[in-house]
Amino acid sequence: MSVYEEILAELDRKGALHFTLIDPDEVGYENAAKFSAESERAGTDAILIGGTVGVQGELLDETVKMIKESVSIPVILFPGDISGISPFADAILYLSLLNSRNPYYISGVQALSAPIIKRWKVEPIPTAYLITEPGGETAAGWVGDARPLPVRKPSITYAYVLSAVTVGYKFVYLEAGSGAAYPVDDRLILAAQKALEGRAPLIVGGGIRTPQTAAQKVKVGADIVVTGTVLEKSKDVFSAVSAFASAIHDAGKERR
């Protein structure tokens, strides 16, 4: 079974999933494996590895290998650029930042990385990546030169997501950005789900600071909720991840 198929099966079983995002630059390369193991023990459904800058090369490879040795759940790359890929992960979110002003992040980096990913035999999961307000103030929006999807115009999000699912992306990811002042607005999640009509899972991340907020995002339409910054700042990773994972899974069951 592919990682993508495994995620779909878990979604069908649980109703909603929690992914833990680990930025080795933030948690420390030497701590990433322990952080991941604690996250799995607490109930997270997959580990995302990535960062906007600095996550690359031999340190990334060694970190991915250590994480793989410490967990049994999928280890998935969430690259900020071509430098953020590694042959040792289970899969990669093959991102196209559709609302970037720079074509490099829409299709250029994909063309450069495709031969490498094929040679390494890392499973690509084509993902439409969309930065929403207030993402223009975050590293993801700034580096990706994105025009953030406006909260007051959900119809723009609807159009982008409808385009993505029509083209055939397997995931749609609405991103407010790590450490964003507020998370993806409910109106944009509703607009995205209206466009998706169940044809692809919706991932939501950025600015989610409490389990209650994570559960709310599931209730309005998020299939997968990603948290990272709030966990990095926690002194008790197990308790923090457990609270988020439980809230998300409970909300997923209620939504069925």
Protein backbone atom coordinates (compact mmCIF):
# COMPACT_ATOMS: atom_id res chain seq x y z
CA MET A 1 0.00 0.00 0.00
CA SER A 2 1.31 3.45 -0.91
CA VAL A 3 1.60 6.22 1.67
CA TYR A 4 -1.21 8.06 -0.11
CA GLU A 5 -3.46 4.99 0.09
CA GLU A 6 -2.52 4.51 3.74
CA ILE A 7 -3.55 8.11 4.52
CA LEU A 8 -6.86 7.66 2.74
CA ALA A 9 -7.51 4.47 4.68
CA GLU A 10 -6.75 6.20 7.98
CA LEU A 11 -9.03 9.09 7.01
CA ASP A 12 -11.81 6.64 6.28
CA ARG A 13 -11.25 4.99 9.65
CA LYS A 14 -10.82 8.09 11.84
CA GLY A 15 -12.65 10.84 9.99
CA ALA A 16 -9.80 13.37 10.42
CA LEU A 17 -6.05 13.18 10.95
CA HIS A 18 -3.31 15.07 12.77
CA PHE A 19 0.12 15.55 11.20
CA THR A 20 3.07 16.76 13.27
CA LEU A 21 5.34 19.18 11.38
CA ILE A 22 8.97 19.06 12.44
CA ASP A 23 11.40 21.75 11.38
CA PRO A 24 14.82 20.35 12.36
CA ASP A 25 16.23 23.87 12.53
CA GLU A 26 13.69 24.72 15.21
CA VAL A 27 13.53 21.55 17.32
CA GLY A 28 17.21 20.75 16.81
CA TYR A 29 18.49 18.01 14.52
CA GLU A 30 19.59 15.98 17.53
CA ASN A 31 16.09 16.16 19.06
CA ALA A 32 14.00 15.45 15.95
CA ALA A 33 13.86 11.67 16.36
CA LYS A 34 12.80 11.86 20.01
CA PHE A 35 10.25 14.56 19.15
CA SER A 36 8.83 12.29 16.43
CA ALA A 37 8.68 9.23 18.66
CA GLU A 38 6.83 11.17 21.35
CA SER A 39 4.43 12.50 18.71
CA GLU A 40 3.65 9.00 17.46
CA ARG A 41 3.15 7.72 21.02
CA ALA A 42 0.71 10.61 21.56
CA GLY A 43 -1.41 9.67 18.56
CA THR A 44 -0.25 11.76 15.61
CA ASP A 45 -0.87 10.10 12.23
CA ALA A 46 2.22 11.17 10.25
CA ILE A 47 5.41 13.19 10.54
CA LEU A 48 6.03 16.05 8.13
CA ILE A 49 9.65 17.20 7.85
CA GLY A 50 10.40 20.60 6.44
CA GLY A 51 11.14 24.26 6.87
CA THR A 52 11.24 27.33 4.72
CA VAL A 53 15.01 27.80 4.99
CA GLY A 54 18.00 25.84 6.21
CA VAL A 55 16.57 22.30 6.11
CA GLN A 56 18.78 20.54 3.59
CA GLY A 57 21.74 18.35 2.73
CA GLU A 58 23.47 15.76 4.86
CA LEU A 59 21.92 17.01 8.09
CA LEU A 60 18.44 16.57 6.59
CA ASP A 61 19.31 13.07 5.34
CA GLU A 62 20.65 11.98 8.72
CA THR A 63 17.65 13.48 10.51
CA VAL A 64 15.18 11.69 8.23
CA LYS A 65 16.99 8.38 8.78
CA MET A 66 16.91 8.83 12.55
CA ILE A 67 13.22 9.70 12.49
CA LYS A 68 12.46 6.69 10.29
CA GLU A 69 14.20 4.44 12.79
CA SER A 70 12.17 5.87 15.67
CA VAL A 71 8.59 5.72 14.26
CA SER A 72 6.33 3.39 12.30
CA ILE A 73 3.98 6.07 10.92
CA PRO A 74 4.66 7.74 7.53
CA VAL A 75 7.56 10.17 7.35
CA ILE A 76 6.75 12.72 4.65
CA LEU A 77 8.85 15.55 3.27
CA PHE A 78 7.31 19.03 3.26
CA PRO A 79 10.00 20.92 1.33
CA GLY A 80 10.38 24.65 1.07
CA ASP A 81 12.58 24.22 -2.01
CA ILE A 82 14.49 21.58 -3.97
CA SER A 83 17.08 21.56 -1.19
CA GLY A 84 14.47 20.12 1.18
CA ILE A 85 14.25 16.68 -0.45
CA SER A 86 15.85 13.45 0.74
CA PRO A 87 15.93 9.86 -0.55
CA PHE A 88 15.22 8.42 2.90
CA ALA A 89 11.63 9.60 3.47
CA ASP A 90 8.53 7.51 2.75
CA ALA A 91 6.92 10.18 0.58
CA ILE A 92 7.02 13.82 -0.38
CA LEU A 93 4.26 16.39 -0.62
CA TYR A 94 4.97 17.36 -4.22
CA LEU A 95 3.94 20.98 -3.78
CA SER A 96 2.85 23.53 -6.35
CA LEU A 97 2.35 26.95 -4.77
CA LEU A 98 -0.49 27.91 -7.09
CA ASN A 99 -0.92 31.50 -5.90
CA SER A 100 2.76 32.43 -6.12
CA ARG A 101 3.78 35.36 -8.29
CA ASN A 102 6.93 33.42 -9.18
CA PRO A 103 6.49 30.56 -11.68
CA TYR A 104 9.48 28.81 -10.09
CA TYR A 105 7.27 27.81 -7.14
CA ILE A 106 4.35 26.81 -9.38
CA SER A 107 6.16 24.53 -11.82
CA GLY A 108 9.88 25.33 -11.99
CA VAL A 109 11.05 23.58 -8.83
CA GLN A 110 8.85 20.61 -9.73
CA ALA A 111 10.59 20.21 -13.10
CA LEU A 112 14.00 20.41 -11.44
CA SER A 113 13.18 17.91 -8.72
CA ALA A 114 11.12 15.34 -10.66
CA PRO A 115 14.08 13.40 -12.13
CA ILE A 116 15.73 13.26 -8.70
CA ILE A 117 12.59 12.05 -6.94
CA LYS A 118 12.04 9.39 -9.61
CA ARG A 119 15.64 8.19 -9.29
CA TRP A 120 15.35 8.04 -5.51
CA LYS A 121 11.96 6.27 -5.72
CA VAL A 122 10.40 8.53 -3.11
CA GLU A 123 6.61 8.49 -3.43
CA PRO A 124 5.36 11.89 -4.69
CA ILE A 125 1.92 13.06 -3.59
CA PRO A 126 0.86 15.93 -5.90
CA THR A 127 -0.36 18.72 -3.64
CA ALA A 128 -1.91 22.08 -4.49
CA TYR A 129 -0.39 24.47 -1.96
CA LEU A 130 -2.23 27.73 -1.30
CA ILE A 131 -1.17 30.51 1.06
CA THR A 132 -4.08 32.28 2.73
CA GLU A 133 -4.22 35.48 4.75
CA PRO A 134 -2.29 36.31 6.91
CA GLY A 135 0.37 34.17 5.20
CA GLY A 136 2.00 37.09 3.44
CA GLU A 137 3.54 38.01 6.80
CA THR A 138 5.07 34.54 7.32
CA ALA A 139 8.20 32.91 5.93
CA ALA A 140 6.22 30.59 3.66
CA GLY A 141 4.40 33.47 2.00
CA TRP A 142 7.45 35.71 1.80
CA VAL A 143 9.83 33.11 0.38
CA GLY A 144 7.19 31.76 -2.00
CA ASP A 145 6.24 35.28 -3.17
CA ALA A 146 2.55 34.42 -2.71
CA ARG A 147 -0.55 36.53 -3.12
CA PRO A 148 -2.42 35.34 0.00
CA LEU A 149 -6.01 34.26 -0.57
CA PRO A 150 -8.20 37.00 0.97
CA VAL A 151 -10.52 36.12 3.82
CA ARG A 152 -13.21 38.53 2.58
CA LYS A 153 -13.33 36.89 -0.86
CA PRO A 154 -13.89 33.14 -0.34
CA SER A 155 -14.86 32.87 -4.00
CA ILE A 156 -11.17 33.23 -4.92
CA THR A 157 -10.28 30.26 -2.73
CA TYR A 158 -13.16 28.33 -4.29
CA ALA A 159 -11.83 29.05 -7.79
CA TYR A 160 -8.26 28.05 -6.96
CA VAL A 161 -9.31 24.83 -5.24
CA LEU A 162 -11.76 23.92 -8.01
CA SER A 163 -8.95 24.42 -10.51
CA ALA A 164 -6.62 22.23 -8.43
CA VAL A 165 -9.04 19.33 -8.13
CA THR A 166 -9.98 19.62 -11.81
CA VAL A 167 -6.32 19.28 -12.77
CA GLY A 168 -6.05 16.26 -10.48
CA TYR A 169 -4.02 17.18 -7.40
CA LYS A 170 -4.34 14.48 -4.72
CA PHE A 171 -4.20 16.91 -1.78
CA VAL A 172 -5.14 20.56 -1.34
CA TYR A 173 -3.23 22.36 1.42
CA LEU A 174 -4.46 25.70 2.79
CA GLU A 175 -1.58 27.33 4.68
CA ALA A 176 -1.64 30.41 6.89
CA GLY A 177 2.09 29.99 7.58
CA SER A 178 4.06 28.84 10.60
CA GLY A 179 3.48 31.16 13.54
CA ALA A 180 0.75 33.08 11.69
CA ALA A 181 -1.21 35.64 13.70
CA TYR A 182 -4.39 33.64 13.08
CA PRO A 183 -5.21 30.36 11.31
CA VAL A 184 -6.92 29.74 7.98
CA ASP A 185 -10.35 31.33 8.22
CA ASP A 186 -13.38 29.03 8.42
CA ARG A 187 -14.93 30.75 5.39
CA LEU A 188 -12.01 29.71 3.23
CA ILE A 189 -12.16 26.12 4.48
CA LEU A 190 -15.87 26.00 3.66
CA ALA A 191 -15.21 27.42 0.19
CA ALA A 192 -12.48 24.84 -0.39
CA GLN A 193 -14.68 21.92 0.62
CA LYS A 194 -17.47 23.21 -1.60
CA ALA A 195 -15.04 23.02 -4.53
CA LEU A 196 -13.56 19.66 -3.55
CA GLU A 197 -16.82 17.74 -3.13
CA GLY A 198 -14.88 14.91 -1.52
CA ARG A 199 -12.50 14.43 -4.45
CA ALA A 200 -9.32 15.14 -2.45
CA PRO A 201 -8.44 15.54 1.23
CA LEU A 202 -8.09 19.09 2.52
CA ILE A 203 -5.05 19.86 4.68
CA VAL A 204 -5.09 22.96 6.88
CA GLY A 205 -2.12 24.37 8.78
CA GLY A 206 -0.56 27.48 10.24
CA GLY A 207 -1.48 29.59 13.25
CA ILE A 208 -3.36 26.81 15.06
CA ARG A 209 -2.51 27.24 18.73
CA THR A 210 -5.13 25.27 20.65
CA PRO A 211 -6.80 21.86 20.33
CA GLN A 212 -10.15 23.64 20.31
CA THR A 213 -9.15 25.62 17.23
CA ALA A 214 -7.90 22.45 15.54
CA ALA A 215 -11.21 20.71 16.24
CA GLN A 216 -13.12 23.69 14.84
CA LYS A 217 -11.16 23.48 11.58
CA VAL A 218 -12.18 19.83 11.27
CA LYS A 219 -15.82 20.64 11.97
CA VAL A 220 -15.94 23.13 9.10
CA GLY A 221 -14.12 20.90 6.62
CA ALA A 222 -10.41 20.21 7.28
CA ASP A 223 -9.56 16.54 6.77
CA ILE A 224 -5.97 16.83 8.01
CA VAL A 225 -4.73 19.42 10.49
CA VAL A 226 -1.01 20.22 10.72
CA THR A 227 0.58 21.71 13.81
CA GLY A 228 4.23 22.56 14.31
CA THR A 229 5.17 25.81 16.01
CA VAL A 230 2.89 25.29 19.01
CA LEU A 231 4.43 21.86 19.58
CA GLU A 232 8.00 23.15 19.21
CA LYS A 233 7.32 25.61 22.04
CA SER A 234 5.83 23.00 24.33
CA LYS A 235 7.83 21.65 27.26
CA ASP A 236 5.85 18.40 27.14
CA VAL A 237 5.62 17.16 23.54
CA PHE A 238 3.61 14.05 24.41
CA SER A 239 0.89 15.99 26.25
CA ALA A 240 0.71 18.70 23.58
CA VAL A 241 0.44 16.29 20.66
CA SER A 242 -2.00 14.09 22.55
CA ALA A 243 -4.34 17.03 23.15
CA PHE A 244 -4.31 18.04 19.48
CA ALA A 245 -4.59 14.52 18.08
CA SER A 246 -7.45 13.61 20.40
CA ALA A 247 -9.38 16.79 19.62
CA ILE A 248 -8.94 16.28 15.87
CA HIS A 249 -9.88 12.60 15.94
CA ASP A 250 -12.94 13.28 18.10
CA ALA A 251 -14.07 16.05 15.77
CA GLY A 252 -13.58 13.75 12.79
CA LYS A 253 -15.80 11.09 14.34
CA GLU A 254 -18.49 13.68 15.13
CA ARG A 255 -18.42 14.99 11.57
CA ARG A 256 -19.22 11.61 10.04
